Amino acid sequence: MSSDTSLTSFVPSVETQRPYRNALGNFATGVTVITTKTADGQIGMTANSFASVSLDPALVLWSIAKSSLRYAHFAPATHFAIHVLRADQKVLAQAFAQRGDAFDLVDHAINAEGVAVLNDCLSRFECATHAVHEAGDHDIMVGHVLRAAEGSGNPLLFAQRSYGTVQPEG
């Protein structure tokens, strides 16, 4: 076994924030749009911090930066929906990253809990907030999945500050 000498080692800090973010960006993630209701209406945001937690009970998580302009809407939310995007939905991902009201770009409905759910995505998880955990400059939002839906297609991925896709070998 040989050692890879092309790695550059560093200690994560304020001074090494960009190399740290680059190192994290080497891990390809799926792309989601998270939605919730507010006193002023529906809001959404793009996130790539989604993960499964438990099958029984059905729990998932995602995290939100405390510095996000949408943090004040999501942190107290009692319900939210997570939408896994398909490879052809890059424009939707970019729109919700820029603005929280990009619902005009996608067919959607309002679920029983009053949250906007996208009718066109790869997968959807409608959740009740199970727990919120502080984690540094983010909060981890754990959702109890009330309903799930599955579509078809290839997933939209994000890695190294770019969007892409993969076609599973099947």
N, C-alpha and C. Protein backbone atom coordinates (compact mmCIF):
# COMPACT_ATOMS: atom_id res chain seq x y z
N MET A 1 0.84 -1.16 0.00
CA MET A 1 0.00 0.00 0.00
C MET A 1 0.90 1.24 0.00
N SER A 2 0.57 2.19 -0.87
CA SER A 2 1.38 3.40 -0.93
C SER A 2 0.61 4.58 -0.36
N SER A 3 1.34 5.53 0.14
CA SER A 3 0.75 6.73 0.71
C SER A 3 0.58 7.78 -0.38
N ASP A 4 -0.55 8.48 -0.38
CA ASP A 4 -0.79 9.54 -1.36
C ASP A 4 -0.14 10.82 -0.83
N THR A 5 0.99 11.20 -1.43
CA THR A 5 1.71 12.40 -0.97
C THR A 5 1.16 13.67 -1.58
N SER A 6 0.10 13.56 -2.42
CA SER A 6 -0.46 14.77 -3.03
C SER A 6 -1.46 15.48 -2.11
N LEU A 7 -1.77 14.89 -0.98
CA LEU A 7 -2.69 15.52 -0.04
C LEU A 7 -1.98 16.65 0.71
N THR A 8 -2.70 17.74 0.91
CA THR A 8 -2.19 18.85 1.71
C THR A 8 -2.96 18.85 3.02
N SER A 9 -2.26 18.67 4.11
CA SER A 9 -2.89 18.60 5.42
C SER A 9 -2.95 19.99 6.06
N PHE A 10 -4.03 20.25 6.79
CA PHE A 10 -4.20 21.52 7.49
C PHE A 10 -5.16 21.32 8.66
N VAL A 11 -5.16 22.26 9.56
CA VAL A 11 -6.09 22.27 10.69
C VAL A 11 -7.22 23.24 10.33
N PRO A 12 -8.47 22.79 10.33
CA PRO A 12 -9.57 23.70 10.03
C PRO A 12 -9.60 24.89 11.00
N SER A 13 -9.67 26.08 10.44
CA SER A 13 -9.72 27.31 11.22
C SER A 13 -10.27 28.42 10.34
N VAL A 14 -10.38 29.61 10.90
CA VAL A 14 -10.84 30.76 10.12
C VAL A 14 -9.88 31.01 8.96
N GLU A 15 -8.60 30.83 9.19
CA GLU A 15 -7.60 31.08 8.14
C GLU A 15 -7.61 30.02 7.04
N THR A 16 -8.11 28.83 7.33
CA THR A 16 -8.12 27.76 6.33
C THR A 16 -9.55 27.39 5.92
N GLN A 17 -10.45 28.36 6.03
CA GLN A 17 -11.85 28.07 5.73
C GLN A 17 -12.05 27.64 4.27
N ARG A 18 -11.40 28.30 3.30
CA ARG A 18 -11.57 27.93 1.89
C ARG A 18 -11.04 26.53 1.61
N PRO A 19 -9.80 26.17 2.03
CA PRO A 19 -9.37 24.79 1.79
C PRO A 19 -10.27 23.76 2.49
N TYR A 20 -10.78 24.11 3.67
CA TYR A 20 -11.69 23.21 4.38
C TYR A 20 -12.98 23.00 3.58
N ARG A 21 -13.54 24.11 3.09
CA ARG A 21 -14.75 24.00 2.26
C ARG A 21 -14.47 23.22 0.99
N ASN A 22 -13.30 23.41 0.40
CA ASN A 22 -12.94 22.65 -0.81
C ASN A 22 -12.85 21.17 -0.49
N ALA A 23 -12.25 20.81 0.65
CA ALA A 23 -12.14 19.40 1.04
C ALA A 23 -13.53 18.80 1.24
N LEU A 24 -14.42 19.53 1.91
CA LEU A 24 -15.80 19.06 2.09
C LEU A 24 -16.50 18.90 0.74
N GLY A 25 -16.21 19.81 -0.17
CA GLY A 25 -16.85 19.80 -1.49
C GLY A 25 -16.45 18.62 -2.36
N ASN A 26 -15.41 17.89 -1.96
CA ASN A 26 -15.03 16.70 -2.71
C ASN A 26 -15.99 15.54 -2.48
N PHE A 27 -16.85 15.66 -1.48
CA PHE A 27 -17.87 14.65 -1.22
C PHE A 27 -19.12 15.05 -2.00
N ALA A 28 -19.46 14.30 -3.02
CA ALA A 28 -20.65 14.59 -3.82
C ALA A 28 -21.91 14.33 -2.99
N THR A 29 -22.83 15.27 -3.05
CA THR A 29 -24.09 15.13 -2.33
C THR A 29 -25.25 15.30 -3.29
N GLY A 30 -26.39 14.80 -2.87
CA GLY A 30 -27.60 15.08 -3.61
C GLY A 30 -28.04 16.52 -3.34
N VAL A 31 -28.97 17.00 -4.13
CA VAL A 31 -29.47 18.37 -3.99
C VAL A 31 -30.95 18.31 -3.65
N THR A 32 -31.34 19.06 -2.64
CA THR A 32 -32.73 19.09 -2.21
C THR A 32 -33.26 20.52 -2.17
N VAL A 33 -34.56 20.63 -2.21
CA VAL A 33 -35.25 21.88 -1.89
C VAL A 33 -36.09 21.57 -0.66
N ILE A 34 -35.90 22.37 0.38
CA ILE A 34 -36.66 22.23 1.62
C ILE A 34 -37.72 23.33 1.63
N THR A 35 -38.95 22.99 2.01
CA THR A 35 -40.02 23.99 2.07
C THR A 35 -40.68 23.97 3.45
N THR A 36 -41.23 25.10 3.82
CA THR A 36 -42.04 25.20 5.04
C THR A 36 -43.00 26.37 4.88
N LYS A 37 -43.94 26.45 5.79
CA LYS A 37 -44.88 27.58 5.79
C LYS A 37 -44.43 28.60 6.83
N THR A 38 -44.72 29.85 6.56
CA THR A 38 -44.44 30.94 7.49
C THR A 38 -45.72 31.74 7.69
N ALA A 39 -45.68 32.69 8.57
CA ALA A 39 -46.85 33.57 8.77
C ALA A 39 -47.15 34.36 7.50
N ASP A 40 -46.13 34.56 6.65
CA ASP A 40 -46.29 35.33 5.42
C ASP A 40 -46.49 34.47 4.18
N GLY A 41 -46.54 33.16 4.34
CA GLY A 41 -46.71 32.28 3.19
C GLY A 41 -45.63 31.21 3.13
N GLN A 42 -45.50 30.60 1.97
CA GLN A 42 -44.55 29.50 1.77
C GLN A 42 -43.14 30.02 1.51
N ILE A 43 -42.15 29.23 1.92
CA ILE A 43 -40.76 29.58 1.66
C ILE A 43 -39.98 28.29 1.40
N GLY A 44 -38.96 28.40 0.58
CA GLY A 44 -38.13 27.24 0.27
C GLY A 44 -36.67 27.64 0.19
N MET A 45 -35.82 26.62 0.23
CA MET A 45 -34.39 26.85 0.07
C MET A 45 -33.72 25.59 -0.45
N THR A 46 -32.60 25.76 -1.13
CA THR A 46 -31.81 24.65 -1.62
C THR A 46 -30.85 24.22 -0.52
N ALA A 47 -30.70 22.91 -0.34
CA ALA A 47 -29.78 22.38 0.67
C ALA A 47 -29.18 21.07 0.16
N ASN A 48 -27.94 20.83 0.53
CA ASN A 48 -27.31 19.55 0.17
C ASN A 48 -26.88 18.78 1.42
N SER A 49 -27.43 19.15 2.56
CA SER A 49 -27.05 18.53 3.83
C SER A 49 -28.07 17.50 4.31
N PHE A 50 -28.71 16.82 3.40
CA PHE A 50 -29.76 15.86 3.72
C PHE A 50 -29.18 14.47 3.98
N ALA A 51 -29.74 13.75 4.94
CA ALA A 51 -29.31 12.37 5.20
C ALA A 51 -30.42 11.60 5.90
N SER A 52 -30.42 10.30 5.71
CA SER A 52 -31.30 9.41 6.44
C SER A 52 -30.73 9.20 7.84
N VAL A 53 -31.60 9.09 8.84
CA VAL A 53 -31.18 8.86 10.22
C VAL A 53 -31.63 7.49 10.70
N SER A 54 -32.90 7.18 10.49
CA SER A 54 -33.47 5.96 11.05
C SER A 54 -34.60 5.45 10.15
N LEU A 55 -34.72 4.13 10.09
CA LEU A 55 -35.85 3.53 9.36
C LEU A 55 -37.05 3.33 10.27
N ASP A 56 -36.81 3.07 11.55
CA ASP A 56 -37.89 2.83 12.50
C ASP A 56 -37.58 3.47 13.84
N PRO A 57 -38.10 4.67 14.10
CA PRO A 57 -39.05 5.38 13.26
C PRO A 57 -38.35 6.01 12.05
N ALA A 58 -39.14 6.40 11.07
CA ALA A 58 -38.59 7.03 9.87
C ALA A 58 -38.15 8.46 10.20
N LEU A 59 -36.83 8.66 10.27
CA LEU A 59 -36.26 9.97 10.58
C LEU A 59 -35.24 10.35 9.52
N VAL A 60 -35.23 11.63 9.16
CA VAL A 60 -34.24 12.19 8.24
C VAL A 60 -33.70 13.48 8.87
N LEU A 61 -32.60 13.99 8.32
CA LEU A 61 -32.08 15.26 8.83
C LEU A 61 -31.56 16.12 7.70
N TRP A 62 -31.44 17.38 8.00
CA TRP A 62 -30.77 18.35 7.14
C TRP A 62 -30.27 19.45 8.07
N SER A 63 -29.35 20.26 7.59
CA SER A 63 -28.85 21.33 8.46
C SER A 63 -28.95 22.67 7.76
N ILE A 64 -29.13 23.70 8.57
CA ILE A 64 -29.28 25.06 8.07
C ILE A 64 -28.31 25.98 8.80
N ALA A 65 -27.65 26.83 8.05
CA ALA A 65 -26.72 27.80 8.63
C ALA A 65 -27.49 28.85 9.42
N LYS A 66 -27.00 29.16 10.60
CA LYS A 66 -27.65 30.20 11.41
C LYS A 66 -27.54 31.57 10.74
N SER A 67 -26.60 31.72 9.82
CA SER A 67 -26.43 32.98 9.11
C SER A 67 -27.34 33.08 7.88
N SER A 68 -28.07 32.03 7.56
CA SER A 68 -28.96 32.04 6.40
C SER A 68 -30.07 33.07 6.60
N LEU A 69 -30.41 33.77 5.54
CA LEU A 69 -31.51 34.73 5.60
C LEU A 69 -32.84 34.03 5.86
N ARG A 70 -32.91 32.71 5.61
CA ARG A 70 -34.15 31.96 5.81
C ARG A 70 -34.16 31.18 7.14
N TYR A 71 -33.11 31.30 7.90
CA TYR A 71 -33.01 30.59 9.18
C TYR A 71 -34.19 30.90 10.10
N ALA A 72 -34.57 32.15 10.20
CA ALA A 72 -35.66 32.56 11.11
C ALA A 72 -36.99 31.91 10.74
N HIS A 73 -37.13 31.46 9.49
CA HIS A 73 -38.37 30.80 9.06
C HIS A 73 -38.32 29.30 9.32
N PHE A 74 -37.15 28.68 9.17
CA PHE A 74 -37.04 27.23 9.30
C PHE A 74 -36.79 26.77 10.74
N ALA A 75 -36.04 27.54 11.51
CA ALA A 75 -35.69 27.10 12.87
C ALA A 75 -36.93 26.82 13.74
N PRO A 76 -37.98 27.63 13.68
CA PRO A 76 -39.16 27.34 14.51
C PRO A 76 -40.22 26.47 13.81
N ALA A 77 -39.95 26.03 12.61
CA ALA A 77 -40.97 25.30 11.83
C ALA A 77 -41.38 24.00 12.52
N THR A 78 -42.67 23.74 12.55
CA THR A 78 -43.16 22.48 13.11
C THR A 78 -43.25 21.40 12.04
N HIS A 79 -43.29 21.81 10.78
CA HIS A 79 -43.36 20.88 9.65
C HIS A 79 -42.52 21.42 8.50
N PHE A 80 -41.98 20.53 7.71
CA PHE A 80 -41.25 20.91 6.51
C PHE A 80 -41.29 19.75 5.53
N ALA A 81 -40.93 20.02 4.29
CA ALA A 81 -40.87 18.97 3.27
C ALA A 81 -39.51 19.04 2.59
N ILE A 82 -38.94 17.87 2.34
CA ILE A 82 -37.64 17.76 1.67
C ILE A 82 -37.89 17.13 0.30
N HIS A 83 -37.39 17.78 -0.74
CA HIS A 83 -37.58 17.33 -2.11
C HIS A 83 -36.22 17.04 -2.73
N VAL A 84 -35.97 15.79 -3.09
CA VAL A 84 -34.72 15.40 -3.75
C VAL A 84 -34.90 15.69 -5.23
N LEU A 85 -33.96 16.47 -5.79
CA LEU A 85 -34.10 16.91 -7.17
C LEU A 85 -33.49 15.94 -8.18
N ARG A 86 -34.07 15.95 -9.38
CA ARG A 86 -33.58 15.15 -10.50
C ARG A 86 -32.48 15.92 -11.24
N ALA A 87 -31.75 15.19 -12.06
CA ALA A 87 -30.63 15.76 -12.82
C ALA A 87 -31.06 16.94 -13.69
N ASP A 88 -32.30 16.96 -14.16
CA ASP A 88 -32.77 18.03 -15.05
C ASP A 88 -33.34 19.23 -14.28
N GLN A 89 -33.15 19.29 -12.97
CA GLN A 89 -33.74 20.37 -12.16
C GLN A 89 -32.71 21.34 -11.59
N LYS A 90 -31.60 21.51 -12.27
CA LYS A 90 -30.55 22.44 -11.84
C LYS A 90 -31.09 23.87 -11.72
N VAL A 91 -31.90 24.29 -12.68
CA VAL A 91 -32.46 25.65 -12.65
C VAL A 91 -33.31 25.85 -11.41
N LEU A 92 -34.08 24.84 -11.03
CA LEU A 92 -34.91 24.92 -9.82
C LEU A 92 -34.04 25.03 -8.58
N ALA A 93 -32.97 24.24 -8.53
CA ALA A 93 -32.03 24.31 -7.40
C ALA A 93 -31.43 25.70 -7.28
N GLN A 94 -31.00 26.25 -8.40
CA GLN A 94 -30.39 27.59 -8.39
C GLN A 94 -31.41 28.66 -8.00
N ALA A 95 -32.65 28.51 -8.46
CA ALA A 95 -33.68 29.50 -8.14
C ALA A 95 -33.97 29.53 -6.65
N PHE A 96 -34.14 28.36 -6.03
CA PHE A 96 -34.42 28.33 -4.59
C PHE A 96 -33.19 28.71 -3.78
N ALA A 97 -32.00 28.57 -4.33
CA ALA A 97 -30.79 29.03 -3.65
C ALA A 97 -30.77 30.56 -3.60
N GLN A 98 -31.31 31.18 -4.63
CA GLN A 98 -31.29 32.65 -4.72
C GLN A 98 -32.48 33.31 -4.04
N ARG A 99 -33.66 32.65 -4.15
CA ARG A 99 -34.86 33.27 -3.60
C ARG A 99 -35.77 32.21 -3.01
N GLY A 100 -36.42 32.55 -1.94
CA GLY A 100 -37.26 31.60 -1.23
C GLY A 100 -38.64 31.41 -1.80
N ASP A 101 -38.99 32.20 -2.81
CA ASP A 101 -40.36 32.15 -3.35
C ASP A 101 -40.39 31.67 -4.80
N ALA A 102 -39.52 30.74 -5.16
CA ALA A 102 -39.41 30.27 -6.55
C ALA A 102 -40.47 29.23 -6.91
N PHE A 103 -41.59 29.23 -6.21
CA PHE A 103 -42.63 28.24 -6.44
C PHE A 103 -43.28 28.38 -7.82
N ASP A 104 -43.12 29.54 -8.45
CA ASP A 104 -43.67 29.74 -9.79
C ASP A 104 -42.99 28.86 -10.84
N LEU A 105 -41.85 28.26 -10.50
CA LEU A 105 -41.10 27.44 -11.45
C LEU A 105 -41.46 25.96 -11.42
N VAL A 106 -42.32 25.56 -10.49
CA VAL A 106 -42.60 24.13 -10.34
C VAL A 106 -44.05 23.92 -9.89
N ASP A 107 -44.66 22.85 -10.40
CA ASP A 107 -46.00 22.48 -9.95
C ASP A 107 -45.92 22.06 -8.48
N HIS A 108 -46.81 22.60 -7.67
CA HIS A 108 -46.80 22.28 -6.24
C HIS A 108 -48.21 22.33 -5.68
N ALA A 109 -48.35 21.77 -4.49
CA ALA A 109 -49.62 21.77 -3.78
C ALA A 109 -49.32 22.08 -2.31
N ILE A 110 -50.36 22.25 -1.52
CA ILE A 110 -50.21 22.47 -0.09
C ILE A 110 -50.68 21.19 0.61
N ASN A 111 -49.82 20.63 1.46
CA ASN A 111 -50.17 19.36 2.13
C ASN A 111 -51.09 19.61 3.34
N ALA A 112 -51.45 18.54 4.03
CA ALA A 112 -52.37 18.62 5.18
C ALA A 112 -51.83 19.50 6.30
N GLU A 113 -50.51 19.63 6.38
CA GLU A 113 -49.88 20.46 7.43
C GLU A 113 -49.67 21.90 6.98
N GLY A 114 -50.10 22.23 5.75
CA GLY A 114 -49.99 23.60 5.25
C GLY A 114 -48.68 23.92 4.58
N VAL A 115 -47.84 22.91 4.28
CA VAL A 115 -46.53 23.12 3.68
C VAL A 115 -46.59 22.86 2.18
N ALA A 116 -45.95 23.71 1.40
CA ALA A 116 -45.87 23.51 -0.05
C ALA A 116 -45.06 22.24 -0.34
N VAL A 117 -45.63 21.37 -1.18
CA VAL A 117 -44.93 20.16 -1.62
C VAL A 117 -44.82 20.20 -3.14
N LEU A 118 -43.61 19.96 -3.62
CA LEU A 118 -43.36 19.96 -5.05
C LEU A 118 -43.86 18.66 -5.64
N ASN A 119 -44.65 18.76 -6.72
CA ASN A 119 -45.20 17.57 -7.36
C ASN A 119 -44.24 16.96 -8.37
N ASP A 120 -43.16 17.66 -8.67
CA ASP A 120 -42.21 17.21 -9.69
C ASP A 120 -40.81 17.17 -9.08
N CYS A 121 -40.41 15.99 -8.57
CA CYS A 121 -39.07 15.81 -8.01
C CYS A 121 -38.77 14.31 -7.99
N LEU A 122 -37.58 13.95 -7.60
CA LEU A 122 -37.17 12.55 -7.58
C LEU A 122 -37.75 11.81 -6.36
N SER A 123 -37.72 12.45 -5.21
CA SER A 123 -38.30 11.90 -3.98
C SER A 123 -38.79 13.06 -3.13
N ARG A 124 -39.75 12.75 -2.26
CA ARG A 124 -40.28 13.78 -1.36
C ARG A 124 -40.51 13.17 0.02
N PHE A 125 -40.15 13.92 1.05
CA PHE A 125 -40.32 13.51 2.44
C PHE A 125 -41.06 14.62 3.18
N GLU A 126 -42.29 14.37 3.59
CA GLU A 126 -43.07 15.35 4.33
C GLU A 126 -42.90 15.05 5.81
N CYS A 127 -42.41 16.03 6.56
CA CYS A 127 -41.94 15.78 7.92
C CYS A 127 -42.58 16.67 8.97
N ALA A 128 -42.67 16.12 10.18
CA ALA A 128 -42.93 16.90 11.39
C ALA A 128 -41.59 17.06 12.07
N THR A 129 -41.29 18.23 12.57
CA THR A 129 -40.01 18.44 13.25
C THR A 129 -39.94 17.53 14.48
N HIS A 130 -38.93 16.70 14.52
CA HIS A 130 -38.72 15.74 15.61
C HIS A 130 -37.77 16.32 16.66
N ALA A 131 -36.72 17.01 16.17
CA ALA A 131 -35.72 17.61 17.07
C ALA A 131 -34.91 18.64 16.29
N VAL A 132 -34.37 19.60 17.01
CA VAL A 132 -33.44 20.58 16.46
C VAL A 132 -32.23 20.57 17.36
N HIS A 133 -31.05 20.35 16.78
CA HIS A 133 -29.81 20.30 17.54
C HIS A 133 -28.87 21.41 17.09
N GLU A 134 -28.36 22.17 18.04
CA GLU A 134 -27.34 23.17 17.71
C GLU A 134 -26.06 22.45 17.37
N ALA A 135 -25.40 22.90 16.32
CA ALA A 135 -24.15 22.29 15.88
C ALA A 135 -23.26 23.37 15.29
N GLY A 136 -22.54 24.07 16.14
CA GLY A 136 -21.65 25.13 15.66
C GLY A 136 -22.45 26.25 15.02
N ASP A 137 -22.09 26.58 13.78
CA ASP A 137 -22.78 27.68 13.09
C ASP A 137 -24.01 27.21 12.32
N HIS A 138 -24.44 25.98 12.55
CA HIS A 138 -25.64 25.41 11.93
C HIS A 138 -26.57 24.83 12.99
N ASP A 139 -27.81 24.60 12.61
CA ASP A 139 -28.74 23.78 13.38
C ASP A 139 -29.04 22.54 12.55
N ILE A 140 -29.10 21.40 13.21
CA ILE A 140 -29.48 20.15 12.56
C ILE A 140 -30.96 19.95 12.81
N MET A 141 -31.71 19.87 11.73
CA MET A 141 -33.16 19.71 11.79
C MET A 141 -33.47 18.23 11.54
N VAL A 142 -34.03 17.56 12.53
CA VAL A 142 -34.41 16.16 12.38
C VAL A 142 -35.90 16.10 12.16
N GLY A 143 -36.31 15.41 11.11
CA GLY A 143 -37.72 15.31 10.80
C GLY A 143 -38.23 13.89 10.91
N HIS A 144 -39.44 13.75 11.48
CA HIS A 144 -40.14 12.47 11.49
C HIS A 144 -40.95 12.44 10.20
N VAL A 145 -40.67 11.47 9.34
CA VAL A 145 -41.31 11.41 8.03
C VAL A 145 -42.75 10.91 8.18
N LEU A 146 -43.68 11.78 7.82
CA LEU A 146 -45.10 11.46 7.87
C LEU A 146 -45.55 10.75 6.60
N ARG A 147 -45.00 11.22 5.47
CA ARG A 147 -45.32 10.65 4.15
C ARG A 147 -44.08 10.78 3.28
N ALA A 148 -43.90 9.80 2.39
CA ALA A 148 -42.79 9.84 1.43
C ALA A 148 -43.34 9.51 0.05
N ALA A 149 -42.66 9.98 -0.99
CA ALA A 149 -43.05 9.71 -2.37
C ALA A 149 -41.78 9.50 -3.17
N GLU A 150 -41.87 8.65 -4.20
CA GLU A 150 -40.70 8.35 -5.03
C GLU A 150 -41.07 8.49 -6.49
N GLY A 151 -40.23 9.18 -7.24
CA GLY A 151 -40.40 9.32 -8.68
C GLY A 151 -39.33 8.51 -9.40
N SER A 152 -39.02 8.91 -10.61
CA SER A 152 -37.98 8.20 -11.36
C SER A 152 -37.06 9.21 -12.02
N GLY A 153 -35.88 8.75 -12.37
CA GLY A 153 -34.88 9.60 -13.01
C GLY A 153 -33.55 9.48 -12.29
N ASN A 154 -32.62 10.30 -12.71
CA ASN A 154 -31.29 10.33 -12.09
C ASN A 154 -31.19 11.52 -11.16
N PRO A 155 -30.42 11.41 -10.07
CA PRO A 155 -30.32 12.50 -9.09
C PRO A 155 -29.42 13.64 -9.56
N LEU A 156 -29.77 14.84 -9.12
CA LEU A 156 -28.91 16.01 -9.28
C LEU A 156 -27.89 15.96 -8.16
N LEU A 157 -26.61 16.12 -8.49
CA LEU A 157 -25.54 16.09 -7.50
C LEU A 157 -24.84 17.44 -7.42
N PHE A 158 -24.16 17.67 -6.31
CA PHE A 158 -23.35 18.87 -6.13
C PHE A 158 -22.01 18.44 -5.56
N ALA A 159 -20.93 18.81 -6.23
CA ALA A 159 -19.57 18.52 -5.76
C ALA A 159 -18.61 19.54 -6.37
N GLN A 160 -17.61 19.90 -5.61
CA GLN A 160 -16.57 20.83 -6.05
C GLN A 160 -17.18 22.11 -6.64
N ARG A 161 -18.20 22.62 -5.96
CA ARG A 161 -18.89 23.86 -6.31
C ARG A 161 -19.59 23.83 -7.67
N SER A 162 -19.94 22.62 -8.13
CA SER A 162 -20.62 22.47 -9.42
C SER A 162 -21.73 21.42 -9.33
N TYR A 163 -22.72 21.58 -10.20
CA TYR A 163 -23.78 20.59 -10.31
C TYR A 163 -23.38 19.52 -11.31
N GLY A 164 -23.89 18.33 -11.12
CA GLY A 164 -23.64 17.23 -12.03
C GLY A 164 -24.67 16.14 -11.79
N THR A 165 -24.41 14.98 -12.35
CA THR A 165 -25.31 13.85 -12.16
C THR A 165 -24.53 12.56 -12.29
N VAL A 166 -25.19 11.49 -11.99
CA VAL A 166 -24.63 10.16 -12.14
C VAL A 166 -25.76 9.26 -12.62
N GLN A 167 -25.40 8.33 -13.48
CA GLN A 167 -26.39 7.34 -13.90
C GLN A 167 -26.04 6.04 -13.22
N PRO A 168 -26.84 5.62 -12.25
CA PRO A 168 -26.53 4.39 -11.52
C PRO A 168 -26.40 3.22 -12.49
N GLU A 169 -25.48 2.31 -12.16
CA GLU A 169 -25.21 1.17 -13.03
C GLU A 169 -26.32 0.14 -13.01
N GLY A 170 -27.14 0.17 -11.99
CA GLY A 170 -28.34 -0.57 -11.90
C GLY A 170 -28.37 -1.99 -11.69
